[in-house]
Amino acid sequence: MNVLIMKKIALCLLIAWAVSLSGSDMLSAAEPKGPRLVVTQERHDFGAIVQGTRVEHVFAIRNGGDEPLDIQEVRAS
């Protein structure tokens, strides 16, 4: 067998082995415990608004974790 082909096969086997090791670490790691804030829409642009016009937008948030989520402060930017 050609030496170049053998080197390619060895390299492919080495890469496959390395990928399988890293993948098994990811599968064995559980999701982090605790609260997890899930926001479906992070930003909203009202566009051009006439001064004095009242505008409102509701952001839907939920706790995707396995412990209570305590929101202590919310600020608009």
C-alpha atoms as a PDB file:
ATOM      1  CA  MET A   1       0.000   0.000   0.000  1.00  0.00           C
ATOM      2  CA  ASN A   2       1.205   3.486  -0.741  1.00  0.00           C
ATOM      3  CA  VAL A   3       2.760   5.308   2.255  1.00  0.00           C
ATOM      4  CA  LEU A   4       0.774   8.463   1.478  1.00  0.00           C
ATOM      5  CA  ILE A   5      -2.514   6.543   1.582  1.00  0.00           C
ATOM      6  CA  MET A   6      -1.528   4.914   4.884  1.00  0.00           C
ATOM      7  CA  LYS A   7      -0.723   8.324   6.369  1.00  0.00           C
ATOM      8  CA  LYS A   8      -4.110   9.667   5.232  1.00  0.00           C
ATOM      9  CA  ILE A   9      -5.914   6.693   6.773  1.00  0.00           C
ATOM     10  CA  ALA A  10      -4.001   7.100  10.027  1.00  0.00           C
ATOM     11  CA  LEU A  11      -4.811  10.816  10.113  1.00  0.00           C
ATOM     12  CA  CYS A  12      -8.514  10.140   9.491  1.00  0.00           C
ATOM     13  CA  LEU A  13      -8.589   7.544  12.270  1.00  0.00           C
ATOM     14  CA  LEU A  14      -6.849   9.953  14.644  1.00  0.00           C
ATOM     15  CA  ILE A  15      -9.323  12.736  13.849  1.00  0.00           C
ATOM     16  CA  ALA A  16     -12.299  10.363  14.256  1.00  0.00           C
ATOM     17  CA  TRP A  17     -10.943   9.200  17.616  1.00  0.00           C
ATOM     18  CA  ALA A  18     -10.420  12.804  18.832  1.00  0.00           C
ATOM     19  CA  VAL A  19     -13.930  13.813  17.740  1.00  0.00           C
ATOM     20  CA  SER A  20     -15.473  10.808  19.466  1.00  0.00           C
ATOM     21  CA  LEU A  21     -13.690  11.694  22.717  1.00  0.00           C
ATOM     22  CA  SER A  22     -14.818  15.311  22.672  1.00  0.00           C
ATOM     23  CA  GLY A  23     -18.372  14.286  21.799  1.00  0.00           C
ATOM     24  CA  SER A  24     -18.597  11.857  24.701  1.00  0.00           C
ATOM     25  CA  ASP A  25     -17.564  14.612  27.103  1.00  0.00           C
ATOM     26  CA  MET A  26     -20.355  16.819  25.796  1.00  0.00           C
ATOM     27  CA  LEU A  27     -22.939  14.073  26.108  1.00  0.00           C
ATOM     28  CA  SER A  28     -21.968  13.227  29.671  1.00  0.00           C
ATOM     29  CA  ALA A  29     -22.066  16.852  30.821  1.00  0.00           C
ATOM     30  CA  ALA A  30     -25.518  17.681  32.148  1.00  0.00           C
ATOM     31  CA  GLU A  31     -27.261  20.987  31.588  1.00  0.00           C
ATOM     32  CA  PRO A  32     -26.154  23.545  34.144  1.00  0.00           C
ATOM     33  CA  LYS A  33     -28.463  23.658  37.125  1.00  0.00           C
ATOM     34  CA  GLY A  34     -30.108  26.790  38.408  1.00  0.00           C
ATOM     35  CA  PRO A  35     -32.297  29.479  36.898  1.00  0.00           C
ATOM     36  CA  ARG A  36     -31.985  30.308  33.197  1.00  0.00           C
ATOM     37  CA  LEU A  37     -33.601  33.393  31.675  1.00  0.00           C
ATOM     38  CA  VAL A  38     -35.068  32.672  28.238  1.00  0.00           C
ATOM     39  CA  VAL A  39     -36.033  35.693  26.109  1.00  0.00           C
ATOM     40  CA  THR A  40     -37.511  35.092  22.671  1.00  0.00           C
ATOM     41  CA  GLN A  41     -37.002  38.688  21.498  1.00  0.00           C
ATOM     42  CA  GLU A  42     -34.094  40.633  22.997  1.00  0.00           C
ATOM     43  CA  ARG A  43     -34.674  43.964  21.223  1.00  0.00           C
ATOM     44  CA  HIS A  44     -37.511  46.038  19.839  1.00  0.00           C
ATOM     45  CA  ASP A  45     -37.209  49.152  17.689  1.00  0.00           C
ATOM     46  CA  PHE A  46     -40.216  51.478  17.762  1.00  0.00           C
ATOM     47  CA  GLY A  47     -38.834  53.439  14.842  1.00  0.00           C
ATOM     48  CA  ALA A  48     -39.626  57.163  14.594  1.00  0.00           C
ATOM     49  CA  ILE A  49     -42.007  58.295  17.334  1.00  0.00           C
ATOM     50  CA  VAL A  50     -43.531  61.736  17.759  1.00  0.00           C
ATOM     51  CA  GLN A  51     -42.495  63.203  21.107  1.00  0.00           C
ATOM     52  CA  GLY A  52     -45.171  62.712  23.740  1.00  0.00           C
ATOM     53  CA  THR A  53     -46.658  59.641  22.074  1.00  0.00           C
ATOM     54  CA  ARG A  54     -47.058  56.745  24.475  1.00  0.00           C
ATOM     55  CA  VAL A  55     -45.607  53.480  23.186  1.00  0.00           C
ATOM     56  CA  GLU A  56     -45.554  50.048  24.718  1.00  0.00           C
ATOM     57  CA  HIS A  57     -43.987  46.676  23.966  1.00  0.00           C
ATOM     58  CA  VAL A  58     -44.197  43.467  25.973  1.00  0.00           C
ATOM     59  CA  PHE A  59     -41.192  41.169  26.136  1.00  0.00           C
ATOM     60  CA  ALA A  60     -42.032  37.535  26.876  1.00  0.00           C
ATOM     61  CA  ILE A  61     -39.560  35.942  29.268  1.00  0.00           C
ATOM     62  CA  ARG A  62     -39.576  32.601  31.028  1.00  0.00           C
ATOM     63  CA  ASN A  63     -37.452  30.562  33.368  1.00  0.00           C
ATOM     64  CA  GLY A  64     -35.912  27.708  31.398  1.00  0.00           C
ATOM     65  CA  GLY A  65     -33.949  26.438  34.401  1.00  0.00           C
ATOM     66  CA  ASP A  66     -34.712  24.085  37.221  1.00  0.00           C
ATOM     67  CA  GLU A  67     -34.572  26.595  40.096  1.00  0.00           C
ATOM     68  CA  PRO A  68     -36.544  29.798  40.788  1.00  0.00           C
ATOM     69  CA  LEU A  69     -35.546  32.839  38.740  1.00  0.00           C
ATOM     70  CA  ASP A  70     -35.343  36.051  40.786  1.00  0.00           C
ATOM     71  CA  ILE A  71     -35.427  39.224  38.636  1.00  0.00           C
ATOM     72  CA  GLN A  72     -34.253  42.060  40.866  1.00  0.00           C
ATOM     73  CA  GLU A  73     -33.931  44.958  38.424  1.00  0.00           C
ATOM     74  CA  VAL A  74     -35.010  45.865  34.906  1.00  0.00           C
ATOM     75  CA  ARG A  75     -33.715  48.903  32.992  1.00  0.00           C
ATOM     76  CA  ALA A  76     -34.547  50.282  29.580  1.00  0.00           C
ATOM     77  CA  SER A  77     -31.759  51.495  27.361  1.00  0.00           C
END
